[in-house]
Amino acid sequence: MESRTLDLGGLPEPIARGLEVVAEMARTMAPTPEEKPAGRLPELPEWPLGVIGPLGREEIYSDYNCRC
């Protein structure tokens, strides 16, 4: 995770400290991103009848009688 900072210059000390405490609480409560194992992509199921050919916009929308 990249480091992010807030510029608290110009704020009164109690408010700046309070914001630091809130930021630290949020940091500890935020879920950590899980490491994804490097490797192959999951295998997807295949259509049992195989590939027939390309499917164009006309074939997709022909049932709706629209001109696309």
PDB file of N, CA and C in Angstrom:
ATOM      1  N   MET A   1       0.848  -1.169   0.000  1.00  0.00           N
ATOM      2  CA  MET A   1       0.000   0.000   0.000  1.00  0.00           C
ATOM      3  C   MET A   1       0.896   1.235   0.000  1.00  0.00           C
ATOM      4  N   GLU A   2       0.508   2.205  -0.776  1.00  0.00           N
ATOM      5  CA  GLU A   2       1.317   3.405  -0.862  1.00  0.00           C
ATOM      6  C   GLU A   2       1.161   4.255   0.397  1.00  0.00           C
ATOM      7  N   SER A   3       2.165   5.016   0.698  1.00  0.00           N
ATOM      8  CA  SER A   3       2.148   5.866   1.875  1.00  0.00           C
ATOM      9  C   SER A   3       1.429   7.169   1.547  1.00  0.00           C
ATOM     10  N   ARG A   4       0.488   7.526   2.393  1.00  0.00           N
ATOM     11  CA  ARG A   4      -0.244   8.779   2.200  1.00  0.00           C
ATOM     12  C   ARG A   4      -0.104   9.611   3.455  1.00  0.00           C
ATOM     13  N   THR A   5       0.048  10.913   3.303  1.00  0.00           N
ATOM     14  CA  THR A   5       0.212  11.800   4.450  1.00  0.00           C
ATOM     15  C   THR A   5      -0.769  12.947   4.357  1.00  0.00           C
ATOM     16  N   LEU A   6      -1.094  13.484   5.513  1.00  0.00           N
ATOM     17  CA  LEU A   6      -1.939  14.673   5.604  1.00  0.00           C
ATOM     18  C   LEU A   6      -1.092  15.833   6.098  1.00  0.00           C
ATOM     19  N   ASP A   7      -1.278  16.981   5.495  1.00  0.00           N
ATOM     20  CA  ASP A   7      -0.581  18.182   5.947  1.00  0.00           C
ATOM     21  C   ASP A   7      -1.452  18.835   7.017  1.00  0.00           C
ATOM     22  N   LEU A   8      -1.011  18.746   8.266  1.00  0.00           N
ATOM     23  CA  LEU A   8      -1.782  19.284   9.380  1.00  0.00           C
ATOM     24  C   LEU A   8      -1.255  20.632   9.840  1.00  0.00           C
ATOM     25  N   GLY A   9      -0.375  21.223   9.052  1.00  0.00           N
ATOM     26  CA  GLY A   9       0.183  22.526   9.416  1.00  0.00           C
ATOM     27  C   GLY A   9      -0.898  23.589   9.496  1.00  0.00           C
ATOM     28  N   GLY A  10      -0.840  24.418  10.503  1.00  0.00           N
ATOM     29  CA  GLY A  10      -1.812  25.484  10.684  1.00  0.00           C
ATOM     30  C   GLY A  10      -2.980  25.106  11.568  1.00  0.00           C
ATOM     31  N   LEU A  11      -3.126  23.827  11.888  1.00  0.00           N
ATOM     32  CA  LEU A  11      -4.196  23.412  12.785  1.00  0.00           C
ATOM     33  C   LEU A  11      -3.717  23.485  14.226  1.00  0.00           C
ATOM     34  N   PRO A  12      -4.616  23.765  15.157  1.00  0.00           N
ATOM     35  CA  PRO A  12      -4.227  23.737  16.570  1.00  0.00           C
ATOM     36  C   PRO A  12      -3.732  22.342  16.953  1.00  0.00           C
ATOM     37  N   GLU A  13      -2.806  22.296  17.880  1.00  0.00           N
ATOM     38  CA  GLU A  13      -2.172  21.034  18.287  1.00  0.00           C
ATOM     39  C   GLU A  13      -3.165  19.959  18.725  1.00  0.00           C
ATOM     40  N   PRO A  14      -4.175  20.263  19.548  1.00  0.00           N
ATOM     41  CA  PRO A  14      -5.107  19.198  19.960  1.00  0.00           C
ATOM     42  C   PRO A  14      -5.879  18.592  18.774  1.00  0.00           C
ATOM     43  N   ILE A  15      -6.252  19.427  17.822  1.00  0.00           N
ATOM     44  CA  ILE A  15      -6.989  18.916  16.660  1.00  0.00           C
ATOM     45  C   ILE A  15      -6.077  18.059  15.796  1.00  0.00           C
ATOM     46  N   ALA A  16      -4.840  18.498  15.598  1.00  0.00           N
ATOM     47  CA  ALA A  16      -3.885  17.734  14.797  1.00  0.00           C
ATOM     48  C   ALA A  16      -3.623  16.374  15.432  1.00  0.00           C
ATOM     49  N   ARG A  17      -3.461  16.344  16.747  1.00  0.00           N
ATOM     50  CA  ARG A  17      -3.234  15.079  17.431  1.00  0.00           C
ATOM     51  C   ARG A  17      -4.453  14.169  17.332  1.00  0.00           C
ATOM     52  N   GLY A  18      -5.636  14.758  17.453  1.00  0.00           N
ATOM     53  CA  GLY A  18      -6.874  13.974  17.320  1.00  0.00           C
ATOM     54  C   GLY A  18      -7.004  13.360  15.933  1.00  0.00           C
ATOM     55  N   LEU A  19      -6.652  14.125  14.909  1.00  0.00           N
ATOM     56  CA  LEU A  19      -6.695  13.593  13.547  1.00  0.00           C
ATOM     57  C   LEU A  19      -5.677  12.476  13.344  1.00  0.00           C
ATOM     58  N   GLU A  20      -4.517  12.609  13.961  1.00  0.00           N
ATOM     59  CA  GLU A  20      -3.517  11.548  13.881  1.00  0.00           C
ATOM     60  C   GLU A  20      -4.022  10.268  14.529  1.00  0.00           C
ATOM     61  N   VAL A  21      -4.715  10.403  15.666  1.00  0.00           N
ATOM     62  CA  VAL A  21      -5.262   9.233  16.359  1.00  0.00           C
ATOM     63  C   VAL A  21      -6.340   8.569  15.497  1.00  0.00           C
ATOM     64  N   VAL A  22      -7.211   9.382  14.898  1.00  0.00           N
ATOM     65  CA  VAL A  22      -8.262   8.835  14.036  1.00  0.00           C
ATOM     66  C   VAL A  22      -7.650   8.121  12.832  1.00  0.00           C
ATOM     67  N   ALA A  23      -6.613   8.714  12.242  1.00  0.00           N
ATOM     68  CA  ALA A  23      -5.958   8.091  11.086  1.00  0.00           C
ATOM     69  C   ALA A  23      -5.316   6.770  11.490  1.00  0.00           C
ATOM     70  N   GLU A  24      -4.714   6.711  12.651  1.00  0.00           N
ATOM     71  CA  GLU A  24      -4.089   5.469  13.114  1.00  0.00           C
ATOM     72  C   GLU A  24      -5.145   4.396  13.375  1.00  0.00           C
ATOM     73  N   MET A  25      -6.284   4.790  13.957  1.00  0.00           N
ATOM     74  CA  MET A  25      -7.368   3.828  14.182  1.00  0.00           C
ATOM     75  C   MET A  25      -7.890   3.292  12.855  1.00  0.00           C
ATOM     76  N   ALA A  26      -8.053   4.160  11.869  1.00  0.00           N
ATOM     77  CA  ALA A  26      -8.531   3.724  10.561  1.00  0.00           C
ATOM     78  C   ALA A  26      -7.526   2.778   9.917  1.00  0.00           C
ATOM     79  N   ARG A  27      -6.236   3.054  10.094  1.00  0.00           N
ATOM     80  CA  ARG A  27      -5.194   2.202   9.532  1.00  0.00           C
ATOM     81  C   ARG A  27      -5.257   0.798  10.136  1.00  0.00           C
ATOM     82  N   THR A  28      -5.508   0.713  11.443  1.00  0.00           N
ATOM     83  CA  THR A  28      -5.547  -0.602  12.091  1.00  0.00           C
ATOM     84  C   THR A  28      -6.845  -1.342  11.801  1.00  0.00           C
ATOM     85  N   MET A  29      -7.932  -0.613  11.567  1.00  0.00           N
ATOM     86  CA  MET A  29      -9.222  -1.247  11.317  1.00  0.00           C
ATOM     87  C   MET A  29      -9.406  -1.638   9.859  1.00  0.00           C
ATOM     88  N   ALA A  30      -8.701  -0.997   8.952  1.00  0.00           N
ATOM     89  CA  ALA A  30      -8.864  -1.275   7.520  1.00  0.00           C
ATOM     90  C   ALA A  30      -8.380  -2.682   7.207  1.00  0.00           C
ATOM     91  N   PRO A  31      -9.121  -3.379   6.363  1.00  0.00           N
ATOM     92  CA  PRO A  31      -8.671  -4.729   6.004  1.00  0.00           C
ATOM     93  C   PRO A  31      -7.408  -4.661   5.154  1.00  0.00           C
ATOM     94  N   THR A  32      -6.542  -5.600   5.377  1.00  0.00           N
ATOM     95  CA  THR A  32      -5.314  -5.642   4.589  1.00  0.00           C
ATOM     96  C   THR A  32      -5.583  -6.423   3.311  1.00  0.00           C
ATOM     97  N   PRO A  33      -5.066  -5.967   2.209  1.00  0.00           N
ATOM     98  CA  PRO A  33      -5.298  -6.705   0.960  1.00  0.00           C
ATOM     99  C   PRO A  33      -4.600  -8.063   1.010  1.00  0.00           C
ATOM    100  N   GLU A  34      -5.329  -9.076   0.615  1.00  0.00           N
ATOM    101  CA  GLU A  34      -4.758 -10.427   0.640  1.00  0.00           C
ATOM    102  C   GLU A  34      -3.812 -10.594  -0.530  1.00  0.00           C
ATOM    103  N   GLU A  35      -2.757 -11.301  -0.278  1.00  0.00           N
ATOM    104  CA  GLU A  35      -1.787 -11.578  -1.330  1.00  0.00           C
ATOM    105  C   GLU A  35      -2.377 -12.609  -2.283  1.00  0.00           C
ATOM    106  N   LYS A  36      -2.360 -12.299  -3.555  1.00  0.00           N
ATOM    107  CA  LYS A  36      -2.841 -13.246  -4.549  1.00  0.00           C
ATOM    108  C   LYS A  36      -1.675 -14.104  -5.003  1.00  0.00           C
ATOM    109  N   PRO A  37      -1.872 -15.401  -5.016  1.00  0.00           N
ATOM    110  CA  PRO A  37      -0.763 -16.259  -5.453  1.00  0.00           C
ATOM    111  C   PRO A  37      -0.478 -16.054  -6.940  1.00  0.00           C
ATOM    112  N   ALA A  38       0.778 -15.939  -7.254  1.00  0.00           N
ATOM    113  CA  ALA A  38       1.173 -15.787  -8.649  1.00  0.00           C
ATOM    114  C   ALA A  38       1.048 -17.125  -9.340  1.00  0.00           C
ATOM    115  N   GLY A  39       0.683 -17.097 -10.575  1.00  0.00           N
ATOM    116  CA  GLY A  39       0.581 -18.360 -11.299  1.00  0.00           C
ATOM    117  C   GLY A  39      -0.472 -18.292 -12.371  1.00  0.00           C
ATOM    118  N   ARG A  40      -1.072 -19.436 -12.616  1.00  0.00           N
ATOM    119  CA  ARG A  40      -2.033 -19.548 -13.696  1.00  0.00           C
ATOM    120  C   ARG A  40      -3.378 -18.944 -13.331  1.00  0.00           C
ATOM    121  N   LEU A  41      -4.105 -18.548 -14.362  1.00  0.00           N
ATOM    122  CA  LEU A  41      -5.474 -18.086 -14.173  1.00  0.00           C
ATOM    123  C   LEU A  41      -6.373 -19.297 -13.961  1.00  0.00           C
ATOM    124  N   PRO A  42      -7.508 -19.117 -13.304  1.00  0.00           N
ATOM    125  CA  PRO A  42      -8.405 -20.254 -13.110  1.00  0.00           C
ATOM    126  C   PRO A  42      -8.948 -20.737 -14.454  1.00  0.00           C
ATOM    127  N   GLU A  43      -9.154 -22.028 -14.561  1.00  0.00           N
ATOM    128  CA  GLU A  43      -9.683 -22.578 -15.804  1.00  0.00           C
ATOM    129  C   GLU A  43     -11.179 -22.327 -15.881  1.00  0.00           C
ATOM    130  N   LEU A  44     -11.621 -21.861 -17.037  1.00  0.00           N
ATOM    131  CA  LEU A  44     -13.031 -21.586 -17.261  1.00  0.00           C
ATOM    132  C   LEU A  44     -13.664 -22.765 -17.989  1.00  0.00           C
ATOM    133  N   PRO A  45     -14.951 -22.976 -17.763  1.00  0.00           N
ATOM    134  CA  PRO A  45     -15.607 -24.095 -18.453  1.00  0.00           C
ATOM    135  C   PRO A  45     -15.699 -23.811 -19.951  1.00  0.00           C
ATOM    136  N   GLU A  46     -15.680 -24.875 -20.737  1.00  0.00           N
ATOM    137  CA  GLU A  46     -15.771 -24.746 -22.185  1.00  0.00           C
ATOM    138  C   GLU A  46     -17.148 -25.155 -22.654  1.00  0.00           C
ATOM    139  N   TRP A  47     -17.610 -24.522 -23.749  1.00  0.00           N
ATOM    140  CA  TRP A  47     -18.877 -24.889 -24.360  1.00  0.00           C
ATOM    141  C   TRP A  47     -18.693 -26.268 -25.002  1.00  0.00           C
ATOM    142  N   PRO A  48     -19.533 -27.235 -24.686  1.00  0.00           N
ATOM    143  CA  PRO A  48     -19.307 -28.596 -25.165  1.00  0.00           C
ATOM    144  C   PRO A  48     -19.425 -28.754 -26.680  1.00  0.00           C
ATOM    145  N   LEU A  49     -20.097 -27.842 -27.369  1.00  0.00           N
ATOM    146  CA  LEU A  49     -20.290 -27.988 -28.810  1.00  0.00           C
ATOM    147  C   LEU A  49     -19.195 -27.318 -29.629  1.00  0.00           C
ATOM    148  N   GLY A  50     -18.259 -26.659 -28.974  1.00  0.00           N
ATOM    149  CA  GLY A  50     -17.159 -26.028 -29.688  1.00  0.00           C
ATOM    150  C   GLY A  50     -17.534 -24.660 -30.242  1.00  0.00           C
ATOM    151  N   VAL A  51     -16.616 -24.072 -30.975  1.00  0.00           N
ATOM    152  CA  VAL A  51     -16.818 -22.751 -31.546  1.00  0.00           C
ATOM    153  C   VAL A  51     -17.433 -22.906 -32.925  1.00  0.00           C
ATOM    154  N   ILE A  52     -18.529 -22.202 -33.178  1.00  0.00           N
ATOM    155  CA  ILE A  52     -19.196 -22.272 -34.471  1.00  0.00           C
ATOM    156  C   ILE A  52     -18.648 -21.197 -35.402  1.00  0.00           C
ATOM    157  N   GLY A  53     -18.435 -20.009 -34.892  1.00  0.00           N
ATOM    158  CA  GLY A  53     -17.917 -18.919 -35.711  1.00  0.00           C
ATOM    159  C   GLY A  53     -18.067 -17.607 -34.971  1.00  0.00           C
ATOM    160  N   PRO A  54     -17.631 -16.517 -35.604  1.00  0.00           N
ATOM    161  CA  PRO A  54     -17.743 -15.225 -34.944  1.00  0.00           C
ATOM    162  C   PRO A  54     -19.204 -14.777 -34.847  1.00  0.00           C
ATOM    163  N   LEU A  55     -19.501 -14.038 -33.818  1.00  0.00           N
ATOM    164  CA  LEU A  55     -20.843 -13.528 -33.595  1.00  0.00           C
ATOM    165  C   LEU A  55     -20.777 -12.016 -33.661  1.00  0.00           C
ATOM    166  N   GLY A  56     -21.455 -11.436 -34.608  1.00  0.00           N
ATOM    167  CA  GLY A  56     -21.426  -9.989 -34.793  1.00  0.00           C
ATOM    168  C   GLY A  56     -22.607  -9.301 -34.149  1.00  0.00           C
ATOM    169  N   ARG A  57     -22.594  -7.994 -34.207  1.00  0.00           N
ATOM    170  CA  ARG A  57     -23.655  -7.185 -33.614  1.00  0.00           C
ATOM    171  C   ARG A  57     -25.009  -7.511 -34.248  1.00  0.00           C
ATOM    172  N   GLU A  58     -25.019  -7.753 -35.560  1.00  0.00           N
ATOM    173  CA  GLU A  58     -26.274  -8.040 -36.253  1.00  0.00           C
ATOM    174  C   GLU A  58     -26.914  -9.310 -35.716  1.00  0.00           C
ATOM    175  N   GLU A  59     -26.115 -10.344 -35.497  1.00  0.00           N
ATOM    176  CA  GLU A  59     -26.654 -11.605 -34.987  1.00  0.00           C
ATOM    177  C   GLU A  59     -27.144 -11.461 -33.545  1.00  0.00           C
ATOM    178  N   ILE A  60     -26.464 -10.657 -32.776  1.00  0.00           N
ATOM    179  CA  ILE A  60     -26.853 -10.496 -31.375  1.00  0.00           C
ATOM    180  C   ILE A  60     -28.208  -9.803 -31.261  1.00  0.00           C
ATOM    181  N   TYR A  61     -28.394  -8.728 -32.054  1.00  0.00           N
ATOM    182  CA  TYR A  61     -29.598  -7.914 -31.918  1.00  0.00           C
ATOM    183  C   TYR A  61     -30.676  -8.239 -32.934  1.00  0.00           C
ATOM    184  N   SER A  62     -30.508  -9.281 -33.744  1.00  0.00           N
ATOM    185  CA  SER A  62     -31.499  -9.582 -34.779  1.00  0.00           C
ATOM    186  C   SER A  62     -32.848  -9.964 -34.182  1.00  0.00           C
ATOM    187  N   ASP A  63     -32.877 -10.564 -32.998  1.00  0.00           N
ATOM    188  CA  ASP A  63     -34.135 -10.949 -32.360  1.00  0.00           C
ATOM    189  C   ASP A  63     -34.942  -9.741 -31.902  1.00  0.00           C
ATOM    190  N   TYR A  64     -34.318  -8.592 -31.794  1.00  0.00           N
ATOM    191  CA  TYR A  64     -35.000  -7.405 -31.282  1.00  0.00           C
ATOM    192  C   TYR A  64     -35.427  -6.455 -32.394  1.00  0.00           C
ATOM    193  N   ASN A  65     -35.201  -6.831 -33.648  1.00  0.00           N
ATOM    194  CA  ASN A  65     -35.586  -6.021 -34.802  1.00  0.00           C
ATOM    195  C   ASN A  65     -35.067  -4.588 -34.719  1.00  0.00           C
ATOM    196  N   CYS A  66     -33.849  -4.423 -34.303  1.00  0.00           N
ATOM    197  CA  CYS A  66     -33.281  -3.084 -34.257  1.00  0.00           C
ATOM    198  C   CYS A  66     -32.134  -2.994 -35.248  1.00  0.00           C
ATOM    199  N   ARG A  67     -31.880  -1.802 -35.723  1.00  0.00           N
ATOM    200  CA  ARG A  67     -30.774  -1.576 -36.642  1.00  0.00           C
ATOM    201  C   ARG A  67     -29.625  -1.014 -35.832  1.00  0.00           C
ATOM    202  N   CYS A  68     -28.563  -1.763 -35.702  1.00  0.00           N
ATOM    203  CA  CYS A  68     -27.429  -1.339 -34.888  1.00  0.00           C
ATOM    204  C   CYS A  68     -26.201  -1.111 -35.733  1.00  0.00           C
TER     205      CYS A  68
END
